[in-house]
């Protein structure tokens, strides 16, 4: 076996002997994989196929002790280190190129306490894992909207989805974590213990250690909700967007509607004659009393003659997963997004115009309806901030890996961003940042919370061991 060359934190490399690797293996219960080992390729596959990063070593912990051993080894030898939860990240920060990646995929247990209304999930869980277990009891914690997203990465960046308007950011429902710090210490953090660390974890958590478990507050929702996809011809964009603005201004918190402007995919539920044609779609979730659904959705039903109508009663777990197929693993993804406080005339017309010009086959303009409960918290309640956001919006590009026009598509997304960026609150969602975005964008995410994050980073990770992320430098 060849001796691996591993990237160090200072940008150089070091060679690891077979004896050293064997020593590391003796510290672990779970596998230590090199590129020569079976399972390495699968362990380093991530959602965004555009990312070309290959670790030298992958540790797959089977418990917290393995995470401690991996962090200690990387710190002691100044090795580049990353943590991979679900690997469903636009920037590809799950992988340490040439370094050591801790792959949490073997840690997928969920323990639900229906009496206490809590759930504890391990760091390798996907959103679908926790939804599946909590819905046995008719309970949820607000997560994302693609079930294959990693729960850890979603949470550590703040987290939003269909239930955010009712219950806030995902981190507003986080009660406690177990974390391995850069010093290799196992700590619990909550509002009552290691409070400063817990504050930072709720929105910037990738920077402060390897979280091994999360405990969430649960709420009664499901197991049946009402929702799905409904779409109209793009030629009706002005009418649809105006109706969307009016609907979201008055919607009860139990109703969340995302609007998507794109070409219709060749999906089974889309009439064949509409495949590839531009549409205006709404992705709907109503989690309230089903007896009120006709009244609540009347503004949508008033938009007659849809070309697609999938609105119906369905299991919450099905609603959480029906968009999975629209974002297949391995395609190339490139996004630019912002937060907005309102849907102005100019913002809506810009989105309409950009959709008409969009050259990307799988490209789309998206408005994600948030606000509600998240707006009620103080801006300093958790690092996540952005308490003035009512919408997340932006341009999302998706294309096949062998499409020769990738450079042109990325340039179009960047140009589109310049046109819609003036409508931003100034904030943006850290989990939607691409790898090429500057430190100024990270500062914009956290706003007035940024300086406090730097001070917290100095206390818990002064050597910046956890730097393969949207990094807050301890300086």
Foldseek 3Di string as FASTA:
>chain_A
DDFAWAAFPVGHTDTDDPVNVVVLVVQAPFDKDAPVDPPQVVLLFAFALVDDAHERIETAHLDLSNQLSVLVVCLVVRTAEAEAALRHFQASLQGDHRTYHYYDLNQFDKDDDVVQQKIKGWQNHFQLSNCVVQVVVQKDQAAAQARSHGRQVCQQQFGHYFQCQPQNTSLSFWAKWWFQFSVSDTDIEGCVGPNLLSQASRRNVLQGGHTTMIMGGMDRFDQKWKWAKWKAALVCLVVVVVLVQVLLVDADSQKWKKKKWAQDDPDPQAPPVRHQGTIIMITIIGGDDPVCVCVSCVSVPVVDDIRGDPIDMDGPSCSSHVCNVLRGGNWHKDWDKFFALHCDPQLSVLQSVLSVVQPASSKIKMKTAHQNPLLPDDQSRGQQGPSSGGIMITIMHTDGPPPPCVVVNNVSRVVSCVRNVVRHPQAHRQSNDYNPDDLSNVCSRRPPCLVSSLVVCCVGPVPSSSASGSDNHND
